[in-house]
Amino acid sequence: MDIRIGHGYDVHRLAEGLRLVIGGIEIEHTKGCLAHSDGDVAIHAICDAMLGALALGDIGKLFPDTSEEFKGIDSKILLRRVCDIIAEQGYTISNIDCTIALQRPKLRPHIDTMRQTLADVIGFDVDRISIKATTTEHLGFEGEEQGISAHAVALLTR
């Protein structure tokens, strides 16, 4: 059995009046992510983790922010495309673990919906994806509500 693990990280600046999309769902908030796509840091980190496990680069390589094709794109579409690439390489996604760092809003009420949404896009059981959220106790750009970040790890098997 061939086992691969990858790590992904993404960060976006927060700005007033933009949509906040995290984990494939829109969350009501006064700020949203400034980004070429929908700015979903959780999905971006997850994609990078899966691509990294197979040494295929990152989502910026596959879906450049200089391309009009990807302007404003729903990151769930990018996730599905990455899953297809993983399958084409002969691998299966065993599990994913993602941690999102931001001060506000509280994500606990949304995590189960995020997990189910992502599991549906990926095409596996919800118990294979973990989403966690943390504040940074008002420290750093996340704690000062200037931005949001996410880390993810993915385990792939063949």
C-alpha atoms as a PDB file:
ATOM      1  CA  MET A   1       0.000   0.000   0.000  1.00  0.00           C
ATOM      2  CA  ASP A   2       1.263   3.464  -0.925  1.00  0.00           C
ATOM      3  CA  ILE A   3       0.395   6.056   1.731  1.00  0.00           C
ATOM      4  CA  ARG A   4       0.881   9.782   1.154  1.00  0.00           C
ATOM      5  CA  ILE A   5       0.289  12.728   3.479  1.00  0.00           C
ATOM      6  CA  GLY A   6       0.110  16.374   2.477  1.00  0.00           C
ATOM      7  CA  HIS A   7      -0.177  19.668   4.301  1.00  0.00           C
ATOM      8  CA  GLY A   8      -1.938  22.779   3.030  1.00  0.00           C
ATOM      9  CA  TYR A   9      -2.134  26.355   4.246  1.00  0.00           C
ATOM     10  CA  ASP A  10      -4.114  29.336   2.993  1.00  0.00           C
ATOM     11  CA  VAL A  11      -4.738  32.863   4.154  1.00  0.00           C
ATOM     12  CA  HIS A  12      -6.942  35.712   2.961  1.00  0.00           C
ATOM     13  CA  ARG A  13      -7.383  39.308   4.000  1.00  0.00           C
ATOM     14  CA  LEU A  14     -10.819  40.226   5.372  1.00  0.00           C
ATOM     15  CA  ALA A  15     -12.645  43.300   4.067  1.00  0.00           C
ATOM     16  CA  GLU A  16     -15.978  44.928   4.862  1.00  0.00           C
ATOM     17  CA  GLY A  17     -18.996  44.134   2.721  1.00  0.00           C
ATOM     18  CA  LEU A  18     -17.704  40.964   1.040  1.00  0.00           C
ATOM     19  CA  ARG A  19     -19.174  37.448   1.224  1.00  0.00           C
ATOM     20  CA  LEU A  20     -17.625  35.112   3.791  1.00  0.00           C
ATOM     21  CA  VAL A  21     -17.397  31.594   2.378  1.00  0.00           C
ATOM     22  CA  ILE A  22     -15.748  28.934   4.519  1.00  0.00           C
ATOM     23  CA  GLY A  23     -15.910  25.173   4.105  1.00  0.00           C
ATOM     24  CA  GLY A  24     -18.179  25.462   1.091  1.00  0.00           C
ATOM     25  CA  ILE A  25     -20.902  27.492   2.785  1.00  0.00           C
ATOM     26  CA  GLU A  26     -21.660  31.181   3.079  1.00  0.00           C
ATOM     27  CA  ILE A  27     -21.647  32.520   6.619  1.00  0.00           C
ATOM     28  CA  GLU A  28     -23.315  35.777   7.569  1.00  0.00           C
ATOM     29  CA  HIS A  29     -20.742  38.327   8.724  1.00  0.00           C
ATOM     30  CA  THR A  30     -19.822  41.955   8.134  1.00  0.00           C
ATOM     31  CA  LYS A  31     -16.520  40.978   6.518  1.00  0.00           C
ATOM     32  CA  GLY A  32     -15.544  38.546   3.817  1.00  0.00           C
ATOM     33  CA  CYS A  33     -12.412  37.343   2.050  1.00  0.00           C
ATOM     34  CA  LEU A  34     -10.635  39.505  -0.474  1.00  0.00           C
ATOM     35  CA  ALA A  35      -9.717  37.001  -3.188  1.00  0.00           C
ATOM     36  CA  HIS A  36      -9.741  36.177  -6.895  1.00  0.00           C
ATOM     37  CA  SER A  37     -12.072  33.224  -6.233  1.00  0.00           C
ATOM     38  CA  ASP A  38     -14.669  33.052  -3.460  1.00  0.00           C
ATOM     39  CA  GLY A  39     -11.760  33.054  -0.971  1.00  0.00           C
ATOM     40  CA  ASP A  40     -12.676  29.827   0.826  1.00  0.00           C
ATOM     41  CA  VAL A  41      -9.520  29.296   2.909  1.00  0.00           C
ATOM     42  CA  ALA A  42     -10.643  25.882   4.170  1.00  0.00           C
ATOM     43  CA  ILE A  43     -11.148  24.436   0.701  1.00  0.00           C
ATOM     44  CA  HIS A  44      -7.955  26.058  -0.578  1.00  0.00           C
ATOM     45  CA  ALA A  45      -5.922  24.530   2.255  1.00  0.00           C
ATOM     46  CA  ILE A  46      -7.567  21.138   1.709  1.00  0.00           C
ATOM     47  CA  CYS A  47      -6.810  21.239  -2.032  1.00  0.00           C
ATOM     48  CA  ASP A  48      -3.191  22.165  -1.322  1.00  0.00           C
ATOM     49  CA  ALA A  49      -2.889  19.307   1.171  1.00  0.00           C
ATOM     50  CA  MET A  50      -4.165  16.769  -1.350  1.00  0.00           C
ATOM     51  CA  LEU A  51      -2.011  18.121  -4.175  1.00  0.00           C
ATOM     52  CA  GLY A  52       1.001  18.273  -1.871  1.00  0.00           C
ATOM     53  CA  ALA A  53       0.595  14.627  -0.927  1.00  0.00           C
ATOM     54  CA  LEU A  54       1.262  13.730  -4.559  1.00  0.00           C
ATOM     55  CA  ALA A  55       3.865  16.477  -5.183  1.00  0.00           C
ATOM     56  CA  LEU A  56       1.573  18.123  -7.754  1.00  0.00           C
ATOM     57  CA  GLY A  57       2.122  21.708  -6.605  1.00  0.00           C
ATOM     58  CA  ASP A  58      -0.701  23.840  -5.272  1.00  0.00           C
ATOM     59  CA  ILE A  59      -4.017  25.287  -6.407  1.00  0.00           C
ATOM     60  CA  GLY A  60      -2.271  28.443  -7.612  1.00  0.00           C
ATOM     61  CA  LYS A  61      -0.395  26.303 -10.111  1.00  0.00           C
ATOM     62  CA  LEU A  62      -3.544  24.566 -11.369  1.00  0.00           C
ATOM     63  CA  PHE A  63      -5.975  27.470 -11.028  1.00  0.00           C
ATOM     64  CA  PRO A  64      -3.943  30.706 -11.297  1.00  0.00           C
ATOM     65  CA  ASP A  65      -5.356  33.930  -9.864  1.00  0.00           C
ATOM     66  CA  THR A  66      -4.373  35.648 -13.098  1.00  0.00           C
ATOM     67  CA  SER A  67      -6.962  33.652 -15.066  1.00  0.00           C
ATOM     68  CA  GLU A  68     -10.389  35.122 -15.769  1.00  0.00           C
ATOM     69  CA  GLU A  69     -11.723  31.552 -15.848  1.00  0.00           C
ATOM     70  CA  PHE A  70     -11.324  31.341 -12.075  1.00  0.00           C
ATOM     71  CA  LYS A  71     -12.438  34.874 -11.125  1.00  0.00           C
ATOM     72  CA  GLY A  72     -15.139  34.544  -8.473  1.00  0.00           C
ATOM     73  CA  ILE A  73     -15.287  30.754  -8.904  1.00  0.00           C
ATOM     74  CA  ASP A  74     -16.983  28.621  -6.274  1.00  0.00           C
ATOM     75  CA  SER A  75     -14.124  26.798  -4.553  1.00  0.00           C
ATOM     76  CA  LYS A  76     -16.216  23.625  -4.384  1.00  0.00           C
ATOM     77  CA  ILE A  77     -15.636  23.370  -8.150  1.00  0.00           C
ATOM     78  CA  LEU A  78     -11.876  23.553  -7.573  1.00  0.00           C
ATOM     79  CA  LEU A  79     -12.124  20.906  -4.847  1.00  0.00           C
ATOM     80  CA  ARG A  80     -14.026  18.562  -7.167  1.00  0.00           C
ATOM     81  CA  ARG A  81     -11.396  19.047  -9.885  1.00  0.00           C
ATOM     82  CA  VAL A  82      -8.600  18.269  -7.410  1.00  0.00           C
ATOM     83  CA  CYS A  83     -10.460  15.132  -6.289  1.00  0.00           C
ATOM     84  CA  ASP A  84     -10.687  14.050  -9.930  1.00  0.00           C
ATOM     85  CA  ILE A  85      -6.912  14.556 -10.327  1.00  0.00           C
ATOM     86  CA  ILE A  86      -6.286  12.480  -7.200  1.00  0.00           C
ATOM     87  CA  ALA A  87      -8.456   9.672  -8.599  1.00  0.00           C
ATOM     88  CA  GLU A  88      -6.726   9.878 -12.004  1.00  0.00           C
ATOM     89  CA  GLN A  89      -3.423   9.321 -10.196  1.00  0.00           C
ATOM     90  CA  GLY A  90      -4.889   6.132  -8.689  1.00  0.00           C
ATOM     91  CA  TYR A  91      -5.268   7.430  -5.129  1.00  0.00           C
ATOM     92  CA  THR A  92      -8.144   7.506  -2.674  1.00  0.00           C
ATOM     93  CA  ILE A  93      -8.610  10.187  -0.043  1.00  0.00           C
ATOM     94  CA  SER A  94      -8.507   8.423   3.304  1.00  0.00           C
ATOM     95  CA  ASN A  95      -9.197  11.408   5.538  1.00  0.00           C
ATOM     96  CA  ILE A  96      -8.827  15.184   5.861  1.00  0.00           C
ATOM     97  CA  ASP A  97      -8.292  17.353   8.928  1.00  0.00           C
ATOM     98  CA  CYS A  98      -8.628  21.142   8.673  1.00  0.00           C
ATOM     99  CA  THR A  99      -8.217  23.906  11.256  1.00  0.00           C
ATOM    100  CA  ILE A 100      -9.536  27.420  10.571  1.00  0.00           C
ATOM    101  CA  ALA A 101      -8.219  30.407  12.544  1.00  0.00           C
ATOM    102  CA  LEU A 102     -10.294  33.569  12.893  1.00  0.00           C
ATOM    103  CA  GLN A 103     -11.577  35.696  15.718  1.00  0.00           C
ATOM    104  CA  ARG A 104     -15.161  36.208  14.545  1.00  0.00           C
ATOM    105  CA  PRO A 105     -17.684  34.903  13.701  1.00  0.00           C
ATOM    106  CA  LYS A 106     -17.845  31.760  15.788  1.00  0.00           C
ATOM    107  CA  LEU A 107     -17.852  28.766  13.466  1.00  0.00           C
ATOM    108  CA  ARG A 108     -19.070  26.010  15.809  1.00  0.00           C
ATOM    109  CA  PRO A 109     -22.715  26.423  14.645  1.00  0.00           C
ATOM    110  CA  HIS A 110     -21.593  25.895  11.019  1.00  0.00           C
ATOM    111  CA  ILE A 111     -19.039  23.093  11.288  1.00  0.00           C
ATOM    112  CA  ASP A 112     -21.417  20.160  10.822  1.00  0.00           C
ATOM    113  CA  THR A 113     -22.819  21.767   7.658  1.00  0.00           C
ATOM    114  CA  MET A 114     -19.287  22.444   6.387  1.00  0.00           C
ATOM    115  CA  ARG A 115     -18.280  18.834   6.992  1.00  0.00           C
ATOM    116  CA  GLN A 116     -21.330  17.468   5.182  1.00  0.00           C
ATOM    117  CA  THR A 117     -20.945  19.910   2.288  1.00  0.00           C
ATOM    118  CA  LEU A 118     -17.300  18.990   1.789  1.00  0.00           C
ATOM    119  CA  ALA A 119     -17.975  15.255   2.170  1.00  0.00           C
ATOM    120  CA  ASP A 120     -20.660  15.522  -0.521  1.00  0.00           C
ATOM    121  CA  VAL A 121     -18.285  17.318  -2.925  1.00  0.00           C
ATOM    122  CA  ILE A 122     -15.456  14.859  -2.262  1.00  0.00           C
ATOM    123  CA  GLY A 123     -17.783  11.865  -2.389  1.00  0.00           C
ATOM    124  CA  PHE A 124     -16.941  10.166   0.864  1.00  0.00           C
ATOM    125  CA  ASP A 125     -18.387   9.667   4.352  1.00  0.00           C
ATOM    126  CA  VAL A 126     -18.599  12.697   6.624  1.00  0.00           C
ATOM    127  CA  ASP A 127     -16.651  10.858   9.333  1.00  0.00           C
ATOM    128  CA  ARG A 128     -13.565  11.136   7.113  1.00  0.00           C
ATOM    129  CA  ILE A 129     -13.409  14.923   7.361  1.00  0.00           C
ATOM    130  CA  SER A 130     -12.669  16.965  10.444  1.00  0.00           C
ATOM    131  CA  ILE A 131     -13.150  20.717  10.576  1.00  0.00           C
ATOM    132  CA  LYS A 132     -12.036  22.649  13.634  1.00  0.00           C
ATOM    133  CA  ALA A 133     -12.021  26.358  14.360  1.00  0.00           C
ATOM    134  CA  THR A 134      -9.972  28.422  16.739  1.00  0.00           C
ATOM    135  CA  THR A 135      -9.489  32.027  17.668  1.00  0.00           C
ATOM    136  CA  THR A 136      -6.011  33.365  18.202  1.00  0.00           C
ATOM    137  CA  GLU A 137      -6.979  35.110  21.444  1.00  0.00           C
ATOM    138  CA  HIS A 138      -6.923  38.491  19.670  1.00  0.00           C
ATOM    139  CA  LEU A 139      -3.298  37.932  18.585  1.00  0.00           C
ATOM    140  CA  GLY A 140      -1.958  38.315  15.047  1.00  0.00           C
ATOM    141  CA  PHE A 141      -3.845  39.191  11.877  1.00  0.00           C
ATOM    142  CA  GLU A 142      -6.581  36.628  12.613  1.00  0.00           C
ATOM    143  CA  GLY A 143      -7.084  37.893  16.154  1.00  0.00           C
ATOM    144  CA  GLU A 144      -7.180  41.502  14.974  1.00  0.00           C
ATOM    145  CA  GLU A 145      -9.828  40.475  12.402  1.00  0.00           C
ATOM    146  CA  GLN A 146      -7.663  41.521   9.477  1.00  0.00           C
ATOM    147  CA  GLY A 147      -7.586  38.041   7.963  1.00  0.00           C
ATOM    148  CA  ILE A 148      -8.408  34.368   8.182  1.00  0.00           C
ATOM    149  CA  SER A 149      -6.192  31.313   7.768  1.00  0.00           C
ATOM    150  CA  ALA A 150      -6.574  27.568   7.491  1.00  0.00           C
ATOM    151  CA  HIS A 151      -4.266  24.558   7.784  1.00  0.00           C
ATOM    152  CA  ALA A 152      -5.185  21.137   6.440  1.00  0.00           C
ATOM    153  CA  VAL A 153      -3.677  17.687   6.211  1.00  0.00           C
ATOM    154  CA  ALA A 154      -4.830  14.938   3.882  1.00  0.00           C
ATOM    155  CA  LEU A 155      -3.984  11.256   3.873  1.00  0.00           C
ATOM    156  CA  LEU A 156      -4.122   9.537   0.476  1.00  0.00           C
ATOM    157  CA  THR A 157      -3.753   5.822  -0.228  1.00  0.00           C
ATOM    158  CA  ARG A 158      -3.257   3.656  -3.296  1.00  0.00           C
END
